């Protein structure tokens, strides 16, 4: 004697399998995404702090431009694009008229 599941009984089982797979995939994505944001790269730590300090030290339109570069750089760091973020931070330093710290720049070039 063979027991056949009706179509009605197979649908919830298939739905449960698809749902569980989707949850597992979402969990995998959420555990790997913060790895970029927690990067301890010099460009997103030391250089970012230096650029933010320099942006605060100037006045007027230069301050607004420098802070815009710093804000963009921080968003790029959160996205995991340290190279593009460093370009933004260096642009903020240039607008503020401040040179990048030489010892830290040598460390970043290694």
C-alpha atoms as a PDB file:
ATOM      1  CA  UNK A   1       0.000   0.000   0.000  1.00  0.00           C
ATOM      2  CA  UNK A   2       1.485   3.306  -1.031  1.00  0.00           C
ATOM      3  CA  UNK A   3       0.633   6.583   0.550  1.00  0.00           C
ATOM      4  CA  UNK A   4       0.632   9.572  -1.699  1.00  0.00           C
ATOM      5  CA  UNK A   5       0.624  13.040  -0.293  1.00  0.00           C
ATOM      6  CA  UNK A   6      -1.947  15.276  -1.780  1.00  0.00           C
ATOM      7  CA  UNK A   7      -0.839  18.486  -3.465  1.00  0.00           C
ATOM      8  CA  UNK A   8      -2.178  20.382  -0.488  1.00  0.00           C
ATOM      9  CA  UNK A   9       0.156  18.558   1.910  1.00  0.00           C
ATOM     10  CA  UNK A  10       3.253  18.917  -0.283  1.00  0.00           C
ATOM     11  CA  UNK A  11       2.917  22.704  -0.626  1.00  0.00           C
ATOM     12  CA  UNK A  12       3.506  23.575   3.073  1.00  0.00           C
ATOM     13  CA  UNK A  13       6.538  21.282   3.162  1.00  0.00           C
ATOM     14  CA  UNK A  14       8.049  22.920   0.095  1.00  0.00           C
ATOM     15  CA  UNK A  15       7.242  26.360   1.506  1.00  0.00           C
ATOM     16  CA  UNK A  16       9.003  25.490   4.775  1.00  0.00           C
ATOM     17  CA  UNK A  17      12.113  24.295   2.928  1.00  0.00           C
ATOM     18  CA  UNK A  18      12.282  27.438   0.787  1.00  0.00           C
ATOM     19  CA  UNK A  19      11.700  29.639   3.838  1.00  0.00           C
ATOM     20  CA  UNK A  20      14.419  27.928   5.839  1.00  0.00           C
ATOM     21  CA  UNK A  21      16.839  28.272   2.934  1.00  0.00           C
ATOM     22  CA  UNK A  22      16.068  31.977   2.610  1.00  0.00           C
ATOM     23  CA  UNK A  23      16.647  32.529   6.336  1.00  0.00           C
ATOM     24  CA  UNK A  24      19.943  30.659   6.211  1.00  0.00           C
ATOM     25  CA  UNK A  25      21.104  32.741   3.244  1.00  0.00           C
ATOM     26  CA  UNK A  26      20.062  35.994   4.961  1.00  0.00           C
ATOM     27  CA  UNK A  27      21.986  34.944   8.070  1.00  0.00           C
ATOM     28  CA  UNK A  28      25.068  34.246   5.986  1.00  0.00           C
ATOM     29  CA  UNK A  29      24.870  37.656   4.360  1.00  0.00           C
ATOM     30  CA  UNK A  30      24.390  39.472   7.671  1.00  0.00           C
ATOM     31  CA  UNK A  31      27.399  37.760   9.275  1.00  0.00           C
ATOM     32  CA  UNK A  32      29.768  38.580   6.426  1.00  0.00           C
ATOM     33  CA  UNK A  33      28.716  42.212   5.806  1.00  0.00           C
ATOM     34  CA  UNK A  34      30.135  43.751   9.020  1.00  0.00           C
ATOM     35  CA  UNK A  35      33.619  42.477   8.162  1.00  0.00           C
ATOM     36  CA  UNK A  36      34.078  45.452   5.839  1.00  0.00           C
ATOM     37  CA  UNK A  37      32.825  47.991   8.341  1.00  0.00           C
ATOM     38  CA  UNK A  38      35.128  46.723  11.083  1.00  0.00           C
ATOM     39  CA  UNK A  39      38.258  47.100   9.011  1.00  0.00           C
ATOM     40  CA  UNK A  40      41.161  48.475  11.069  1.00  0.00           C
ATOM     41  CA  UNK A  41      42.980  49.819   8.026  1.00  0.00           C
ATOM     42  CA  UNK A  42      45.077  52.951   8.588  1.00  0.00           C
ATOM     43  CA  UNK A  43      43.166  54.709   5.835  1.00  0.00           C
ATOM     44  CA  UNK A  44      39.864  54.337   7.672  1.00  0.00           C
ATOM     45  CA  UNK A  45      41.260  54.942  11.141  1.00  0.00           C
ATOM     46  CA  UNK A  46      44.278  57.248  11.396  1.00  0.00           C
ATOM     47  CA  UNK A  47      43.849  59.094   8.135  1.00  0.00           C
ATOM     48  CA  UNK A  48      40.136  59.601   8.792  1.00  0.00           C
ATOM     49  CA  UNK A  49      40.837  61.116  12.213  1.00  0.00           C
ATOM     50  CA  UNK A  50      43.534  63.364  10.814  1.00  0.00           C
ATOM     51  CA  UNK A  51      41.231  64.598   8.028  1.00  0.00           C
ATOM     52  CA  UNK A  52      38.338  65.221  10.442  1.00  0.00           C
ATOM     53  CA  UNK A  53      40.591  67.243  12.749  1.00  0.00           C
ATOM     54  CA  UNK A  54      41.954  69.250   9.832  1.00  0.00           C
ATOM     55  CA  UNK A  55      38.434  69.894   8.507  1.00  0.00           C
ATOM     56  CA  UNK A  56      37.379  71.284  11.886  1.00  0.00           C
ATOM     57  CA  UNK A  57      40.358  73.625  12.048  1.00  0.00           C
ATOM     58  CA  UNK A  58      39.563  75.666   8.907  1.00  0.00           C
ATOM     59  CA  UNK A  59      36.800  78.228   8.449  1.00  0.00           C
ATOM     60  CA  UNK A  60      34.178  79.120   5.869  1.00  0.00           C
ATOM     61  CA  UNK A  61      33.677  77.331   2.588  1.00  0.00           C
ATOM     62  CA  UNK A  62      36.926  75.400   3.004  1.00  0.00           C
ATOM     63  CA  UNK A  63      35.521  73.815   6.147  1.00  0.00           C
ATOM     64  CA  UNK A  64      32.314  72.825   4.371  1.00  0.00           C
ATOM     65  CA  UNK A  65      34.232  71.261   1.476  1.00  0.00           C
ATOM     66  CA  UNK A  66      36.649  69.430   3.775  1.00  0.00           C
ATOM     67  CA  UNK A  67      33.827  68.069   5.929  1.00  0.00           C
ATOM     68  CA  UNK A  68      32.025  66.881   2.793  1.00  0.00           C
ATOM     69  CA  UNK A  69      35.145  64.947   1.731  1.00  0.00           C
ATOM     70  CA  UNK A  70      35.461  63.444   5.228  1.00  0.00           C
ATOM     71  CA  UNK A  71      31.805  62.406   5.259  1.00  0.00           C
ATOM     72  CA  UNK A  72      32.110  60.761   1.852  1.00  0.00           C
ATOM     73  CA  UNK A  73      35.294  59.000   2.964  1.00  0.00           C
ATOM     74  CA  UNK A  74      33.601  57.579   6.052  1.00  0.00           C
ATOM     75  CA  UNK A  75      30.753  56.225   3.940  1.00  0.00           C
ATOM     76  CA  UNK A  76      33.269  54.582   1.613  1.00  0.00           C
ATOM     77  CA  UNK A  77      34.995  52.990   4.615  1.00  0.00           C
ATOM     78  CA  UNK A  78      31.670  51.548   5.740  1.00  0.00           C
ATOM     79  CA  UNK A  79      31.228  50.123   2.247  1.00  0.00           C
ATOM     80  CA  UNK A  80      34.679  48.514   2.403  1.00  0.00           C
ATOM     81  CA  UNK A  81      36.349  50.730  -0.210  1.00  0.00           C
ATOM     82  CA  UNK A  82      39.396  51.928   1.749  1.00  0.00           C
ATOM     83  CA  UNK A  83      41.298  53.051  -1.328  1.00  0.00           C
ATOM     84  CA  UNK A  84      38.600  55.461  -2.495  1.00  0.00           C
ATOM     85  CA  UNK A  85      38.072  56.601   1.101  1.00  0.00           C
ATOM     86  CA  UNK A  86      41.765  57.488   1.404  1.00  0.00           C
ATOM     87  CA  UNK A  87      41.453  59.659  -1.707  1.00  0.00           C
ATOM     88  CA  UNK A  88      38.580  61.541  -0.097  1.00  0.00           C
ATOM     89  CA  UNK A  89      40.471  62.002   3.175  1.00  0.00           C
ATOM     90  CA  UNK A  90      43.555  63.242   1.336  1.00  0.00           C
ATOM     91  CA  UNK A  91      41.383  65.699  -0.614  1.00  0.00           C
ATOM     92  CA  UNK A  92      40.029  67.003   2.709  1.00  0.00           C
ATOM     93  CA  UNK A  93      43.587  67.464   3.974  1.00  0.00           C
ATOM     94  CA  UNK A  94      44.523  69.317   0.799  1.00  0.00           C
ATOM     95  CA  UNK A  95      41.527  71.661   1.075  1.00  0.00           C
ATOM     96  CA  UNK A  96      42.424  72.323   4.715  1.00  0.00           C
ATOM     97  CA  UNK A  97      46.056  72.962   3.767  1.00  0.00           C
ATOM     98  CA  UNK A  98      47.405  70.227   6.021  1.00  0.00           C
ATOM     99  CA  UNK A  99      50.038  67.667   5.039  1.00  0.00           C
ATOM    100  CA  UNK A 100      49.437  64.005   5.803  1.00  0.00           C
ATOM    101  CA  UNK A 101      51.514  62.664   8.696  1.00  0.00           C
ATOM    102  CA  UNK A 102      54.624  61.255   7.042  1.00  0.00           C
ATOM    103  CA  UNK A 103      55.225  58.273   9.353  1.00  0.00           C
ATOM    104  CA  UNK A 104      51.654  57.035   8.936  1.00  0.00           C
ATOM    105  CA  UNK A 105      51.805  57.548   5.173  1.00  0.00           C
ATOM    106  CA  UNK A 106      54.875  55.305   4.963  1.00  0.00           C
ATOM    107  CA  UNK A 107      53.039  52.615   6.934  1.00  0.00           C
ATOM    108  CA  UNK A 108      50.085  52.768   4.548  1.00  0.00           C
ATOM    109  CA  UNK A 109      52.289  52.389   1.475  1.00  0.00           C
ATOM    110  CA  UNK A 110      53.704  49.051   2.666  1.00  0.00           C
END
